[in-house]
C-alpha cells in the first residue's frame, strides 16, 4: 500500500512558480498546485513507504532553491479519489 502525503510549501517571494515547476519533476509527484494563503505550493506525492517519503521526497523538496519551509501531512484514510481532468 502506498503512502500518500500532502506537502505544503512556503517559498521566498517570487519563487512560487519555479518551485512548483521543479516539484513536477520529482518521481513520486501526483499533483502540484500553486495556492494562496500561508503556503504557496501544495504537492501530493505517493511513496512506497514512510521512510521513502521522509528521506527522499521531502528531503528533495527542501533542497529546491526558494523553499523556506515545508509541512508534510501524510494521509491516514483516503475517502474518495476523484480524477481531475487537465
N, C-alpha and C. Protein backbone atom coordinates (compact mmCIF):
# COMPACT_ATOMS: atom_id res chain seq x y z
N UNK A 1 0.84 -1.18 0.00
CA UNK A 1 0.00 0.00 0.00
C UNK A 1 0.89 1.25 0.00
N UNK A 2 0.58 2.17 -0.87
CA UNK A 2 1.38 3.38 -0.99
C UNK A 2 1.05 4.37 0.12
N UNK A 3 2.04 5.17 0.47
CA UNK A 3 1.87 6.25 1.42
C UNK A 3 1.61 7.52 0.61
N UNK A 4 0.49 8.14 0.88
CA UNK A 4 0.11 9.38 0.18
C UNK A 4 0.28 10.53 1.17
N UNK A 5 0.84 11.64 0.70
CA UNK A 5 1.05 12.79 1.58
C UNK A 5 0.84 14.09 0.84
N UNK A 6 0.43 15.08 1.60
CA UNK A 6 0.29 16.44 1.11
C UNK A 6 1.45 17.23 1.68
N UNK A 7 2.24 17.85 0.82
CA UNK A 7 3.38 18.64 1.28
C UNK A 7 3.07 20.10 0.99
N UNK A 8 2.92 20.87 2.05
CA UNK A 8 2.62 22.29 1.95
C UNK A 8 3.94 23.04 1.99
N UNK A 9 4.15 23.92 1.02
CA UNK A 9 5.45 24.56 0.85
C UNK A 9 5.31 26.07 0.90
N UNK A 10 6.16 26.70 1.72
CA UNK A 10 6.31 28.15 1.70
C UNK A 10 7.56 28.47 0.91
N UNK A 11 7.48 29.52 0.10
CA UNK A 11 8.62 29.91 -0.72
C UNK A 11 8.99 31.37 -0.47
N UNK A 12 10.19 31.71 -0.91
CA UNK A 12 10.58 33.11 -0.93
C UNK A 12 9.70 33.83 -1.95
N UNK A 13 9.56 35.13 -1.79
CA UNK A 13 8.76 35.92 -2.73
C UNK A 13 9.34 35.75 -4.14
N UNK A 14 8.44 35.45 -5.08
CA UNK A 14 8.85 35.30 -6.47
C UNK A 14 9.30 33.90 -6.86
N UNK A 15 9.29 32.96 -5.91
CA UNK A 15 9.77 31.61 -6.20
C UNK A 15 8.66 30.57 -6.31
N UNK A 16 7.42 30.97 -6.18
CA UNK A 16 6.33 30.00 -6.20
C UNK A 16 6.30 29.19 -7.50
N UNK A 17 6.33 29.87 -8.63
CA UNK A 17 6.27 29.17 -9.92
C UNK A 17 7.49 28.28 -10.17
N UNK A 18 8.73 28.76 -9.95
CA UNK A 18 9.88 27.87 -10.16
C UNK A 18 9.88 26.66 -9.23
N UNK A 19 9.45 26.85 -7.98
CA UNK A 19 9.39 25.72 -7.05
C UNK A 19 8.36 24.71 -7.52
N UNK A 20 7.18 25.19 -7.93
CA UNK A 20 6.13 24.29 -8.42
C UNK A 20 6.63 23.50 -9.63
N UNK A 21 7.32 24.17 -10.54
CA UNK A 21 7.84 23.51 -11.74
C UNK A 21 8.83 22.41 -11.37
N UNK A 22 9.72 22.68 -10.42
CA UNK A 22 10.69 21.66 -10.02
C UNK A 22 10.02 20.49 -9.30
N UNK A 23 8.97 20.77 -8.54
CA UNK A 23 8.25 19.70 -7.85
C UNK A 23 7.58 18.75 -8.84
N UNK A 24 7.17 19.28 -10.00
CA UNK A 24 6.57 18.43 -11.04
C UNK A 24 7.51 17.33 -11.49
N UNK A 25 8.80 17.62 -11.44
CA UNK A 25 9.81 16.70 -11.95
C UNK A 25 10.14 15.55 -11.00
N UNK A 26 9.72 15.64 -9.74
CA UNK A 26 10.03 14.59 -8.78
C UNK A 26 9.27 13.31 -9.12
N UNK A 27 9.92 12.20 -8.96
CA UNK A 27 9.39 10.90 -9.39
C UNK A 27 8.05 10.54 -8.75
N UNK A 28 7.85 10.84 -7.49
CA UNK A 28 6.65 10.40 -6.78
C UNK A 28 5.52 11.43 -6.78
N UNK A 29 5.67 12.50 -7.54
CA UNK A 29 4.66 13.56 -7.55
C UNK A 29 3.40 13.12 -8.28
N UNK A 30 2.26 13.34 -7.63
CA UNK A 30 0.95 13.06 -8.21
C UNK A 30 0.31 14.35 -8.71
N UNK A 31 0.47 15.43 -7.94
CA UNK A 31 -0.18 16.69 -8.26
C UNK A 31 0.61 17.85 -7.66
N UNK A 32 0.60 18.98 -8.36
CA UNK A 32 1.24 20.21 -7.87
C UNK A 32 0.28 21.36 -8.11
N UNK A 33 0.02 22.14 -7.06
CA UNK A 33 -0.85 23.31 -7.17
C UNK A 33 -0.17 24.53 -6.57
N UNK A 34 -0.23 25.66 -7.28
CA UNK A 34 0.13 26.94 -6.68
C UNK A 34 -1.13 27.45 -6.00
N UNK A 35 -0.99 27.91 -4.75
CA UNK A 35 -2.15 28.32 -3.96
C UNK A 35 -1.89 29.67 -3.30
N UNK A 36 -2.95 30.26 -2.76
CA UNK A 36 -2.81 31.47 -1.97
C UNK A 36 -2.99 31.12 -0.51
N UNK A 37 -2.59 32.02 0.37
CA UNK A 37 -2.70 31.77 1.80
C UNK A 37 -1.32 31.64 2.41
N UNK A 38 -1.22 30.98 3.55
CA UNK A 38 0.07 30.89 4.24
C UNK A 38 1.09 30.02 3.50
N UNK A 39 0.63 29.16 2.61
CA UNK A 39 1.54 28.32 1.81
C UNK A 39 1.40 28.73 0.35
N UNK A 40 2.44 28.46 -0.42
CA UNK A 40 2.49 28.89 -1.82
C UNK A 40 2.28 27.76 -2.81
N UNK A 41 2.68 26.56 -2.42
CA UNK A 41 2.59 25.38 -3.30
C UNK A 41 2.14 24.20 -2.45
N UNK A 42 1.25 23.38 -3.00
CA UNK A 42 0.88 22.12 -2.35
C UNK A 42 1.17 21.00 -3.34
N UNK A 43 1.94 20.03 -2.86
CA UNK A 43 2.34 18.89 -3.68
C UNK A 43 1.73 17.64 -3.06
N UNK A 44 1.12 16.80 -3.89
CA UNK A 44 0.65 15.49 -3.44
C UNK A 44 1.61 14.46 -3.99
N UNK A 45 2.11 13.61 -3.10
CA UNK A 45 3.05 12.56 -3.50
C UNK A 45 2.53 11.20 -3.04
N UNK A 46 2.97 10.16 -3.71
CA UNK A 46 2.70 8.78 -3.30
C UNK A 46 4.02 8.03 -3.30
N UNK A 47 4.35 7.44 -2.16
CA UNK A 47 5.62 6.73 -1.98
C UNK A 47 5.36 5.31 -1.53
N UNK A 48 6.38 4.48 -1.63
CA UNK A 48 6.23 3.09 -1.23
C UNK A 48 6.28 2.92 0.28
N UNK A 49 6.85 3.88 1.01
CA UNK A 49 6.94 3.77 2.47
C UNK A 49 7.08 5.15 3.08
N UNK A 50 6.86 5.23 4.38
CA UNK A 50 7.04 6.49 5.09
C UNK A 50 8.51 6.90 5.10
N UNK A 51 9.40 5.90 5.09
CA UNK A 51 10.83 6.19 5.04
C UNK A 51 11.20 6.87 3.72
N UNK A 52 10.66 6.34 2.62
CA UNK A 52 10.91 6.96 1.32
C UNK A 52 10.37 8.38 1.30
N UNK A 53 9.20 8.58 1.87
CA UNK A 53 8.61 9.91 1.93
C UNK A 53 9.55 10.88 2.63
N UNK A 54 10.05 10.49 3.78
CA UNK A 54 10.90 11.39 4.56
C UNK A 54 12.29 11.56 4.00
N UNK A 55 12.91 10.46 3.61
CA UNK A 55 14.31 10.50 3.22
C UNK A 55 14.53 10.99 1.81
N UNK A 56 13.62 10.70 0.92
CA UNK A 56 13.83 11.05 -0.48
C UNK A 56 12.99 12.24 -0.91
N UNK A 57 11.69 12.12 -0.78
CA UNK A 57 10.80 13.14 -1.34
C UNK A 57 10.90 14.46 -0.59
N UNK A 58 10.67 14.44 0.71
CA UNK A 58 10.69 15.68 1.48
C UNK A 58 12.08 16.30 1.44
N UNK A 59 13.11 15.48 1.57
CA UNK A 59 14.48 15.99 1.52
C UNK A 59 14.76 16.66 0.18
N UNK A 60 14.27 16.10 -0.91
CA UNK A 60 14.48 16.70 -2.24
C UNK A 60 13.76 18.04 -2.34
N UNK A 61 12.55 18.11 -1.85
CA UNK A 61 11.79 19.36 -1.92
C UNK A 61 12.47 20.43 -1.08
N UNK A 62 12.95 20.08 0.09
CA UNK A 62 13.60 21.07 0.95
C UNK A 62 14.89 21.61 0.35
N UNK A 63 15.48 20.92 -0.60
CA UNK A 63 16.71 21.37 -1.24
C UNK A 63 16.47 22.28 -2.44
N UNK A 64 15.21 22.42 -2.86
CA UNK A 64 14.90 23.27 -4.01
C UNK A 64 15.11 24.74 -3.64
N UNK A 65 15.81 25.47 -4.51
CA UNK A 65 16.06 26.88 -4.26
C UNK A 65 14.74 27.64 -4.15
N UNK A 66 14.60 28.44 -3.11
CA UNK A 66 13.40 29.24 -2.89
C UNK A 66 12.45 28.65 -1.87
N UNK A 67 12.62 27.39 -1.50
CA UNK A 67 11.78 26.77 -0.47
C UNK A 67 12.27 27.24 0.90
N UNK A 68 11.36 27.79 1.70
CA UNK A 68 11.74 28.26 3.03
C UNK A 68 11.21 27.36 4.14
N UNK A 69 10.11 26.66 3.89
CA UNK A 69 9.53 25.79 4.92
C UNK A 69 8.59 24.79 4.27
N UNK A 70 8.54 23.58 4.84
CA UNK A 70 7.58 22.58 4.38
C UNK A 70 6.81 22.03 5.57
N UNK A 71 5.60 21.60 5.30
CA UNK A 71 4.78 20.90 6.28
C UNK A 71 4.25 19.66 5.57
N UNK A 72 4.60 18.49 6.07
CA UNK A 72 4.20 17.23 5.44
C UNK A 72 3.04 16.62 6.20
N UNK A 73 1.96 16.34 5.48
CA UNK A 73 0.74 15.78 6.08
C UNK A 73 0.43 14.44 5.42
N UNK A 74 0.89 13.33 6.02
CA UNK A 74 0.55 12.02 5.45
C UNK A 74 -0.95 11.75 5.57
N UNK A 75 -1.51 11.17 4.54
CA UNK A 75 -2.93 10.81 4.56
C UNK A 75 -3.11 9.55 5.39
N UNK A 76 -4.13 9.55 6.24
CA UNK A 76 -4.39 8.36 7.06
C UNK A 76 -5.55 7.54 6.51
N UNK A 77 -6.41 8.17 5.69
CA UNK A 77 -7.54 7.43 5.13
C UNK A 77 -8.05 8.18 3.90
N UNK A 78 -7.97 7.55 2.75
CA UNK A 78 -8.48 8.14 1.51
C UNK A 78 -9.97 7.84 1.41
N UNK A 79 -10.78 8.86 1.45
CA UNK A 79 -12.23 8.68 1.38
C UNK A 79 -12.67 8.38 -0.04
N UNK A 80 -12.26 9.23 -0.97
CA UNK A 80 -12.62 9.02 -2.37
C UNK A 80 -11.60 9.74 -3.23
N UNK A 81 -11.14 9.08 -4.26
CA UNK A 81 -10.18 9.66 -5.18
C UNK A 81 -10.91 10.04 -6.46
N UNK A 82 -11.09 11.31 -6.67
CA UNK A 82 -11.76 11.80 -7.87
C UNK A 82 -10.70 12.22 -8.87
N UNK A 83 -10.72 11.63 -10.04
CA UNK A 83 -9.76 12.02 -11.08
C UNK A 83 -10.13 13.41 -11.58
N UNK A 84 -9.12 14.25 -11.69
CA UNK A 84 -9.33 15.61 -12.17
C UNK A 84 -8.74 15.71 -13.57
N UNK A 85 -9.56 16.09 -14.53
CA UNK A 85 -9.09 16.22 -15.91
C UNK A 85 -8.22 17.47 -16.04
N UNK A 86 -7.19 17.36 -16.85
CA UNK A 86 -6.31 18.53 -17.08
C UNK A 86 -6.99 19.56 -17.93
